[in-house]
Amino acid sequence: QVQLVESGGGLVRAGGSLRLSCAASGRTFDTYAMGWFRQAPGKERDLVAAVNRGGDNTYYTDSVKGRFTISRDNVKNMVYLQMNDLKPEDTAVYYCAGLFSRRWWYRLDGKYDYWGQGTQVTVSS
């Protein structure tokens, strides 16, 4: 079993930055890919960014390309989401998730194996 705990959310003005962190425990960290999802009120939970097991491949949804950066540290068992130039539409609960698969390193359908509890990000205009 894997436990994921997010931190780093908060309130920030438009144009500002936040860095989300996700601490993993319970299973060898580099055996599963990681992703960050977000869910705004009344909307579905969508994949924002993903990183493969080794950390050398990344995926970003179009709306965050050039502004967000996902990274992982397989020694510290951490995954990060650096968010720059934040916009009000980035307001959501952000979740980190783990995918244990030999076939996929990210999934747009949200079928991940492990989830954190979420952290709120609010961007004011």
Foldseek 3Di string as FASTA:
>chain_A
DKAKAKDWADEEAAQAKIKMKIAMDDDQLLQWKKWKWWDDPPGDIWTAKIAHSVFPDMDGDPVQPPFWDWGDDSVRRMIMIIGGRDDQVVWTWMKMFIARDPPDNDDGVPPGDDIYPTDTHGYHD
